Amino acid sequence: MAAAPMFASASEAMVMVHAALGYLATADATAMTAGERARCLRELEQADSVTTAESTRSETPPAPISTPTARARNTAPIETAW
């Protein structure tokens, strides 16, 4: 496998991503061997997994709602001993 290219910015990396996906979208899959097609599909699935993981990692959790009702709903019930 070739070494990963170095990019100066996220914008530069996205240009490469779009170029690569454009190439794959127009590639003649029937001209590829079964192994080449399988590798493309496998690596696209891996890229999709990385994208999903990154999007969940970079999401910030929502701020908690701080109203009396919300606070009451988010507290543990009080146990009473009879």
PDB file of N, CA and C in Angstrom:
ATOM      1  N   MET A   1       0.853  -1.170   0.000  1.00  0.00           N
ATOM      2  CA  MET A   1       0.000   0.000   0.000  1.00  0.00           C
ATOM      3  C   MET A   1       0.898   1.232   0.000  1.00  0.00           C
ATOM      4  N   ALA A   2       0.506   2.225  -0.753  1.00  0.00           N
ATOM      5  CA  ALA A   2       1.279   3.462  -0.844  1.00  0.00           C
ATOM      6  C   ALA A   2       1.145   4.266   0.447  1.00  0.00           C
ATOM      7  N   ALA A   3       2.162   5.060   0.697  1.00  0.00           N
ATOM      8  CA  ALA A   3       2.124   5.920   1.889  1.00  0.00           C
ATOM      9  C   ALA A   3       1.008   6.951   1.732  1.00  0.00           C
ATOM     10  N   ALA A   4       0.399   7.300   2.843  1.00  0.00           N
ATOM     11  CA  ALA A   4      -0.686   8.290   2.820  1.00  0.00           C
ATOM     12  C   ALA A   4      -0.112   9.664   2.472  1.00  0.00           C
ATOM     13  N   PRO A   5      -0.769  10.397   1.589  1.00  0.00           N
ATOM     14  CA  PRO A   5      -0.275  11.728   1.249  1.00  0.00           C
ATOM     15  C   PRO A   5      -0.436  12.685   2.423  1.00  0.00           C
ATOM     16  N   MET A   6       0.378  13.702   2.436  1.00  0.00           N
ATOM     17  CA  MET A   6       0.291  14.731   3.470  1.00  0.00           C
ATOM     18  C   MET A   6      -0.475  15.911   2.893  1.00  0.00           C
ATOM     19  N   PHE A   7      -1.380  16.472   3.667  1.00  0.00           N
ATOM     20  CA  PHE A   7      -2.181  17.607   3.219  1.00  0.00           C
ATOM     21  C   PHE A   7      -1.903  18.817   4.083  1.00  0.00           C
ATOM     22  N   ALA A   8      -2.025  19.983   3.475  1.00  0.00           N
ATOM     23  CA  ALA A   8      -1.796  21.225   4.205  1.00  0.00           C
ATOM     24  C   ALA A   8      -3.039  21.675   4.948  1.00  0.00           C
ATOM     25  N   SER A   9      -4.203  21.174   4.531  1.00  0.00           N
ATOM     26  CA  SER A   9      -5.454  21.603   5.162  1.00  0.00           C
ATOM     27  C   SER A   9      -6.537  20.559   4.925  1.00  0.00           C
ATOM     28  N   ALA A  10      -7.614  20.694   5.667  1.00  0.00           N
ATOM     29  CA  ALA A  10      -8.771  19.816   5.463  1.00  0.00           C
ATOM     30  C   ALA A  10      -9.367  20.047   4.079  1.00  0.00           C
ATOM     31  N   SER A  11      -9.363  21.292   3.627  1.00  0.00           N
ATOM     32  CA  SER A  11      -9.899  21.599   2.287  1.00  0.00           C
ATOM     33  C   SER A  11      -9.100  20.875   1.206  1.00  0.00           C
ATOM     34  N   GLU A  12      -7.790  20.864   1.353  1.00  0.00           N
ATOM     35  CA  GLU A  12      -6.938  20.179   0.382  1.00  0.00           C
ATOM     36  C   GLU A  12      -7.216  18.673   0.392  1.00  0.00           C
ATOM     37  N   ALA A  13      -7.400  18.107   1.571  1.00  0.00           N
ATOM     38  CA  ALA A  13      -7.704  16.682   1.677  1.00  0.00           C
ATOM     39  C   ALA A  13      -9.053  16.363   1.038  1.00  0.00           C
ATOM     40  N   MET A  14     -10.040  17.247   1.225  1.00  0.00           N
ATOM     41  CA  MET A  14     -11.368  17.007   0.648  1.00  0.00           C
ATOM     42  C   MET A  14     -11.333  17.062  -0.875  1.00  0.00           C
ATOM     43  N   VAL A  15     -10.469  17.889  -1.446  1.00  0.00           N
ATOM     44  CA  VAL A  15     -10.316  17.915  -2.907  1.00  0.00           C
ATOM     45  C   VAL A  15      -9.875  16.535  -3.380  1.00  0.00           C
ATOM     46  N   MET A  16      -8.936  15.927  -2.663  1.00  0.00           N
ATOM     47  CA  MET A  16      -8.454  14.600  -3.029  1.00  0.00           C
ATOM     48  C   MET A  16      -9.552  13.547  -2.855  1.00  0.00           C
ATOM     49  N   VAL A  17     -10.318  13.655  -1.776  1.00  0.00           N
ATOM     50  CA  VAL A  17     -11.417  12.709  -1.545  1.00  0.00           C
ATOM     51  C   VAL A  17     -12.410  12.765  -2.697  1.00  0.00           C
ATOM     52  N   HIS A  18     -12.805  13.962  -3.084  1.00  0.00           N
ATOM     53  CA  HIS A  18     -13.771  14.105  -4.179  1.00  0.00           C
ATOM     54  C   HIS A  18     -13.202  13.614  -5.505  1.00  0.00           C
ATOM     55  N   ALA A  19     -11.915  13.861  -5.741  1.00  0.00           N
ATOM     56  CA  ALA A  19     -11.284  13.368  -6.970  1.00  0.00           C
ATOM     57  C   ALA A  19     -11.280  11.844  -6.996  1.00  0.00           C
ATOM     58  N   ALA A  20     -10.925  11.222  -5.872  1.00  0.00           N
ATOM     59  CA  ALA A  20     -10.879   9.758  -5.807  1.00  0.00           C
ATOM     60  C   ALA A  20     -12.266   9.151  -5.964  1.00  0.00           C
ATOM     61  N   LEU A  21     -13.261   9.729  -5.281  1.00  0.00           N
ATOM     62  CA  LEU A  21     -14.626   9.201  -5.409  1.00  0.00           C
ATOM     63  C   LEU A  21     -15.169   9.404  -6.818  1.00  0.00           C
ATOM     64  N   GLY A  22     -14.813  10.520  -7.438  1.00  0.00           N
ATOM     65  CA  GLY A  22     -15.222  10.756  -8.826  1.00  0.00           C
ATOM     66  C   GLY A  22     -14.634   9.719  -9.755  1.00  0.00           C
ATOM     67  N   TYR A  23     -13.367   9.381  -9.536  1.00  0.00           N
ATOM     68  CA  TYR A  23     -12.726   8.343 -10.342  1.00  0.00           C
ATOM     69  C   TYR A  23     -13.443   7.012 -10.167  1.00  0.00           C
ATOM     70  N   LEU A  24     -13.705   6.634  -8.922  1.00  0.00           N
ATOM     71  CA  LEU A  24     -14.373   5.353  -8.662  1.00  0.00           C
ATOM     72  C   LEU A  24     -15.786   5.319  -9.223  1.00  0.00           C
ATOM     73  N   ALA A  25     -16.477   6.459  -9.186  1.00  0.00           N
ATOM     74  CA  ALA A  25     -17.849   6.504  -9.687  1.00  0.00           C
ATOM     75  C   ALA A  25     -17.911   6.280 -11.196  1.00  0.00           C
ATOM     76  N   THR A  26     -16.859   6.666 -11.896  1.00  0.00           N
ATOM     77  CA  THR A  26     -16.867   6.514 -13.352  1.00  0.00           C
ATOM     78  C   THR A  26     -16.056   5.312 -13.825  1.00  0.00           C
ATOM     79  N   ALA A  27     -15.412   4.615 -12.911  1.00  0.00           N
ATOM     80  CA  ALA A  27     -14.596   3.457 -13.280  1.00  0.00           C
ATOM     81  C   ALA A  27     -15.487   2.334 -13.803  1.00  0.00           C
ATOM     82  N   ASP A  28     -14.970   1.590 -14.759  1.00  0.00           N
ATOM     83  CA  ASP A  28     -15.697   0.460 -15.330  1.00  0.00           C
ATOM     84  C   ASP A  28     -15.463  -0.760 -14.444  1.00  0.00           C
ATOM     85  N   ALA A  29     -16.430  -1.060 -13.608  1.00  0.00           N
ATOM     86  CA  ALA A  29     -16.293  -2.173 -12.670  1.00  0.00           C
ATOM     87  C   ALA A  29     -16.142  -3.503 -13.393  1.00  0.00           C
ATOM     88  N   THR A  30     -16.688  -3.608 -14.603  1.00  0.00           N
ATOM     89  CA  THR A  30     -16.573  -4.871 -15.333  1.00  0.00           C
ATOM     90  C   THR A  30     -15.149  -5.103 -15.827  1.00  0.00           C
ATOM     91  N   ALA A  31     -14.349  -4.041 -15.901  1.00  0.00           N
ATOM     92  CA  ALA A  31     -12.956  -4.179 -16.327  1.00  0.00           C
ATOM     93  C   ALA A  31     -12.047  -4.566 -15.157  1.00  0.00           C
ATOM     94  N   MET A  32     -12.583  -4.495 -13.938  1.00  0.00           N
ATOM     95  CA  MET A  32     -11.798  -4.847 -12.753  1.00  0.00           C
ATOM     96  C   MET A  32     -11.905  -6.339 -12.494  1.00  0.00           C
ATOM     97  N   THR A  33     -10.882  -6.857 -11.855  1.00  0.00           N
ATOM     98  CA  THR A  33     -10.954  -8.256 -11.422  1.00  0.00           C
ATOM     99  C   THR A  33     -11.883  -8.322 -10.209  1.00  0.00           C
ATOM    100  N   ALA A  34     -12.301  -9.507  -9.874  1.00  0.00           N
ATOM    101  CA  ALA A  34     -13.155  -9.687  -8.697  1.00  0.00           C
ATOM    102  C   ALA A  34     -12.426  -9.205  -7.447  1.00  0.00           C
ATOM    103  N   GLY A  35     -11.125  -9.461  -7.371  1.00  0.00           N
ATOM    104  CA  GLY A  35     -10.337  -9.015  -6.227  1.00  0.00           C
ATOM    105  C   GLY A  35     -10.275  -7.499  -6.126  1.00  0.00           C
ATOM    106  N   GLU A  36     -10.138  -6.822  -7.271  1.00  0.00           N
ATOM    107  CA  GLU A  36     -10.098  -5.354  -7.271  1.00  0.00           C
ATOM    108  C   GLU A  36     -11.438  -4.774  -6.819  1.00  0.00           C
ATOM    109  N   ARG A  37     -12.527  -5.344  -7.333  1.00  0.00           N
ATOM    110  CA  ARG A  37     -13.858  -4.874  -6.924  1.00  0.00           C
ATOM    111  C   ARG A  37     -14.072  -5.102  -5.436  1.00  0.00           C
ATOM    112  N   ALA A  38     -13.685  -6.273  -4.953  1.00  0.00           N
ATOM    113  CA  ALA A  38     -13.850  -6.591  -3.532  1.00  0.00           C
ATOM    114  C   ALA A  38     -13.034  -5.624  -2.674  1.00  0.00           C
ATOM    115  N   ARG A  39     -11.811  -5.336  -3.095  1.00  0.00           N
ATOM    116  CA  ARG A  39     -10.960  -4.413  -2.333  1.00  0.00           C
ATOM    117  C   ARG A  39     -11.570  -3.017  -2.306  1.00  0.00           C
ATOM    118  N   CYS A  40     -12.080  -2.549  -3.448  1.00  0.00           N
ATOM    119  CA  CYS A  40     -12.715  -1.221  -3.490  1.00  0.00           C
ATOM    120  C   CYS A  40     -13.893  -1.165  -2.524  1.00  0.00           C
ATOM    121  N   LEU A  41     -14.735  -2.176  -2.576  1.00  0.00           N
ATOM    122  CA  LEU A  41     -15.904  -2.195  -1.692  1.00  0.00           C
ATOM    123  C   LEU A  41     -15.493  -2.263  -0.225  1.00  0.00           C
ATOM    124  N   ARG A  42     -14.510  -3.105   0.073  1.00  0.00           N
ATOM    125  CA  ARG A  42     -14.039  -3.248   1.453  1.00  0.00           C
ATOM    126  C   ARG A  42     -13.458  -1.929   1.964  1.00  0.00           C
ATOM    127  N   GLU A  43     -12.644  -1.279   1.150  1.00  0.00           N
ATOM    128  CA  GLU A  43     -12.019  -0.033   1.596  1.00  0.00           C
ATOM    129  C   GLU A  43     -13.017   1.125   1.661  1.00  0.00           C
ATOM    130  N   LEU A  44     -14.023   1.127   0.795  1.00  0.00           N
ATOM    131  CA  LEU A  44     -15.071   2.145   0.906  1.00  0.00           C
ATOM    132  C   LEU A  44     -15.872   1.948   2.189  1.00  0.00           C
ATOM    133  N   GLU A  45     -16.130   0.698   2.566  1.00  0.00           N
ATOM    134  CA  GLU A  45     -16.820   0.416   3.824  1.00  0.00           C
ATOM    135  C   GLU A  45     -15.973   0.859   5.015  1.00  0.00           C
ATOM    136  N   GLN A  46     -14.671   0.624   4.950  1.00  0.00           N
ATOM    137  CA  GLN A  46     -13.788   1.061   6.028  1.00  0.00           C
ATOM    138  C   GLN A  46     -13.783   2.586   6.132  1.00  0.00           C
ATOM    139  N   ALA A  47     -13.753   3.263   4.981  1.00  0.00           N
ATOM    140  CA  ALA A  47     -13.778   4.729   4.981  1.00  0.00           C
ATOM    141  C   ALA A  47     -15.093   5.228   5.573  1.00  0.00           C
ATOM    142  N   ASP A  48     -16.185   4.540   5.260  1.00  0.00           N
ATOM    143  CA  ASP A  48     -17.484   4.924   5.813  1.00  0.00           C
ATOM    144  C   ASP A  48     -17.488   4.761   7.326  1.00  0.00           C
ATOM    145  N   SER A  49     -16.864   3.700   7.817  1.00  0.00           N
ATOM    146  CA  SER A  49     -16.778   3.484   9.267  1.00  0.00           C
ATOM    147  C   SER A  49     -15.974   4.586   9.945  1.00  0.00           C
ATOM    148  N   VAL A  50     -14.874   4.983   9.318  1.00  0.00           N
ATOM    149  CA  VAL A  50     -14.044   6.058   9.873  1.00  0.00           C
ATOM    150  C   VAL A  50     -14.843   7.357   9.910  1.00  0.00           C
ATOM    151  N   THR A  51     -15.580   7.629   8.839  1.00  0.00           N
ATOM    152  CA  THR A  51     -16.400   8.841   8.777  1.00  0.00           C
ATOM    153  C   THR A  51     -17.450   8.836   9.879  1.00  0.00           C
ATOM    154  N   THR A  52     -18.112   7.710  10.077  1.00  0.00           N
ATOM    155  CA  THR A  52     -19.125   7.607  11.123  1.00  0.00           C
ATOM    156  C   THR A  52     -18.507   7.801  12.501  1.00  0.00           C
ATOM    157  N   ALA A  53     -17.383   7.147  12.735  1.00  0.00           N
ATOM    158  CA  ALA A  53     -16.722   7.278  14.038  1.00  0.00           C
ATOM    159  C   ALA A  53     -16.295   8.717  14.287  1.00  0.00           C
ATOM    160  N   GLU A  54     -15.764   9.366  13.282  1.00  0.00           N
ATOM    161  CA  GLU A  54     -15.314  10.750  13.444  1.00  0.00           C
ATOM    162  C   GLU A  54     -16.495  11.679  13.693  1.00  0.00           C
ATOM    163  N   SER A  55     -17.593  11.463  12.997  1.00  0.00           N
ATOM    164  CA  SER A  55     -18.739  12.353  13.191  1.00  0.00           C
ATOM    165  C   SER A  55     -19.335  12.199  14.585  1.00  0.00           C
ATOM    166  N   THR A  56     -19.320  10.998  15.131  1.00  0.00           N
ATOM    167  CA  THR A  56     -19.843  10.828  16.486  1.00  0.00           C
ATOM    168  C   THR A  56     -18.860  11.342  17.523  1.00  0.00           C
ATOM    169  N   ARG A  57     -17.576  11.266  17.231  1.00  0.00           N
ATOM    170  CA  ARG A  57     -16.558  11.746  18.162  1.00  0.00           C
ATOM    171  C   ARG A  57     -16.576  13.268  18.244  1.00  0.00           C
ATOM    172  N   SER A  58     -16.840  13.929  17.130  1.00  0.00           N
ATOM    173  CA  SER A  58     -16.752  15.381  17.118  1.00  0.00           C
ATOM    174  C   SER A  58     -18.057  16.073  17.509  1.00  0.00           C
ATOM    175  N   GLU A  59     -19.125  15.311  17.663  1.00  0.00           N
ATOM    176  CA  GLU A  59     -20.380  15.929  18.091  1.00  0.00           C
ATOM    177  C   GLU A  59     -20.289  16.302  19.565  1.00  0.00           C
ATOM    178  N   THR A  60     -20.728  17.496  19.865  1.00  0.00           N
ATOM    179  CA  THR A  60     -20.741  17.906  21.261  1.00  0.00           C
ATOM    180  C   THR A  60     -22.080  17.510  21.866  1.00  0.00           C
ATOM    181  N   PRO A  61     -22.062  17.014  23.074  1.00  0.00           N
ATOM    182  CA  PRO A  61     -23.326  16.617  23.688  1.00  0.00           C
ATOM    183  C   PRO A  61     -24.199  17.842  23.922  1.00  0.00           C
ATOM    184  N   PRO A  62     -25.498  17.675  23.842  1.00  0.00           N
ATOM    185  CA  PRO A  62     -26.382  18.814  24.068  1.00  0.00           C
ATOM    186  C   PRO A  62     -26.275  19.320  25.507  1.00  0.00           C
ATOM    187  N   ALA A  63     -26.477  20.591  25.639  1.00  0.00           N
ATOM    188  CA  ALA A  63     -26.439  21.189  26.979  1.00  0.00           C
ATOM    189  C   ALA A  63     -27.643  20.693  27.773  1.00  0.00           C
ATOM    190  N   PRO A  64     -27.451  20.425  29.056  1.00  0.00           N
ATOM    191  CA  PRO A  64     -28.583  19.953  29.860  1.00  0.00           C
ATOM    192  C   PRO A  64     -29.626  21.062  30.024  1.00  0.00           C
ATOM    193  N   ILE A  65     -30.856  20.652  30.047  1.00  0.00           N
ATOM    194  CA  ILE A  65     -31.946  21.608  30.261  1.00  0.00           C
ATOM    195  C   ILE A  65     -32.047  21.855  31.758  1.00  0.00           C
ATOM    196  N   SER A  66     -32.055  23.094  32.133  1.00  0.00           N
ATOM    197  CA  SER A  66     -32.071  23.401  33.556  1.00  0.00           C
ATOM    198  C   SER A  66     -33.348  24.138  33.926  1.00  0.00           C
ATOM    199  N   THR A  67     -34.431  23.409  33.939  1.00  0.00           N
ATOM    200  CA  THR A  67     -35.699  23.949  34.429  1.00  0.00           C
ATOM    201  C   THR A  67     -36.093  23.104  35.624  1.00  0.00           C
ATOM    202  N   PRO A  68     -36.938  23.606  36.490  1.00  0.00           N
ATOM    203  CA  PRO A  68     -37.345  22.791  37.647  1.00  0.00           C
ATOM    204  C   PRO A  68     -37.927  21.443  37.244  1.00  0.00           C
ATOM    205  N   THR A  69     -38.731  21.414  36.177  1.00  0.00           N
ATOM    206  CA  THR A  69     -39.346  20.152  35.746  1.00  0.00           C
ATOM    207  C   THR A  69     -38.283  19.193  35.234  1.00  0.00           C
ATOM    208  N   ALA A  70     -37.340  19.699  34.435  1.00  0.00           N
ATOM    209  CA  ALA A  70     -36.290  18.842  33.902  1.00  0.00           C
ATOM    210  C   ALA A  70     -35.412  18.315  35.024  1.00  0.00           C
ATOM    211  N   ARG A  71     -35.099  19.154  35.995  1.00  0.00           N
ATOM    212  CA  ARG A  71     -34.282  18.689  37.113  1.00  0.00           C
ATOM    213  C   ARG A  71     -35.007  17.605  37.899  1.00  0.00           C
ATOM    214  N   ALA A  72     -36.285  17.764  38.109  1.00  0.00           N
ATOM    215  CA  ALA A  72     -37.060  16.758  38.846  1.00  0.00           C
ATOM    216  C   ALA A  72     -37.107  15.448  38.072  1.00  0.00           C
ATOM    217  N   ARG A  73     -37.208  15.529  36.761  1.00  0.00           N
ATOM    218  CA  ARG A  73     -37.289  14.332  35.935  1.00  0.00           C
ATOM    219  C   ARG A  73     -35.959  13.582  35.921  1.00  0.00           C
ATOM    220  N   ASN A  74     -34.846  14.295  36.068  1.00  0.00           N
ATOM    221  CA  ASN A  74     -33.522  13.683  35.979  1.00  0.00           C
ATOM    222  C   ASN A  74     -32.930  13.300  37.327  1.00  0.00           C
ATOM    223  N   THR A  75     -33.703  13.331  38.363  1.00  0.00           N
ATOM    224  CA  THR A  75     -33.185  12.941  39.669  1.00  0.00           C
ATOM    225  C   THR A  75     -33.673  11.543  39.998  1.00  0.00           C
ATOM    226  N   ALA A  76     -32.914  10.886  40.819  1.00  0.00           N
ATOM    227  CA  ALA A  76     -33.304   9.540  41.231  1.00  0.00           C
ATOM    228  C   ALA A  76     -34.522   9.631  42.142  1.00  0.00           C
ATOM    229  N   PRO A  77     -35.403   8.675  42.061  1.00  0.00           N
ATOM    230  CA  PRO A  77     -36.571   8.704  42.937  1.00  0.00           C
ATOM    231  C   PRO A  77     -36.157   8.563  44.402  1.00  0.00           C
ATOM    232  N   ILE A  78     -36.894   9.192  45.238  1.00  0.00           N
ATOM    233  CA  ILE A  78     -36.628   9.115  46.673  1.00  0.00           C
ATOM    234  C   ILE A  78     -37.259   7.845  47.193  1.00  0.00           C
ATOM    235  N   GLU A  79     -36.471   7.046  47.861  1.00  0.00           N
ATOM    236  CA  GLU A  79     -36.999   5.808  48.430  1.00  0.00           C
ATOM    237  C   GLU A  79     -37.440   6.089  49.862  1.00  0.00           C
ATOM    238  N   THR A  80     -38.610   5.645  50.158  1.00  0.00           N
ATOM    239  CA  THR A  80     -39.106   5.812  51.512  1.00  0.00           C
ATOM    240  C   THR A  80     -39.155   4.454  52.202  1.00  0.00           C
ATOM    241  N   ALA A  81     -38.797   4.446  53.451  1.00  0.00           N
ATOM    242  CA  ALA A  81     -38.856   3.209  54.227  1.00  0.00           C
ATOM    243  C   ALA A  81     -40.107   3.232  55.078  1.00  0.00           C
ATOM    244  N   TRP A  82     -40.937   2.246  54.953  1.00  0.00           N
ATOM    245  CA  TRP A  82     -42.178   2.181  55.743  1.00  0.00           C
ATOM    246  C   TRP A  82     -42.003   1.298  56.912  1.00  0.00           C
TER     247      TRP A  82
END
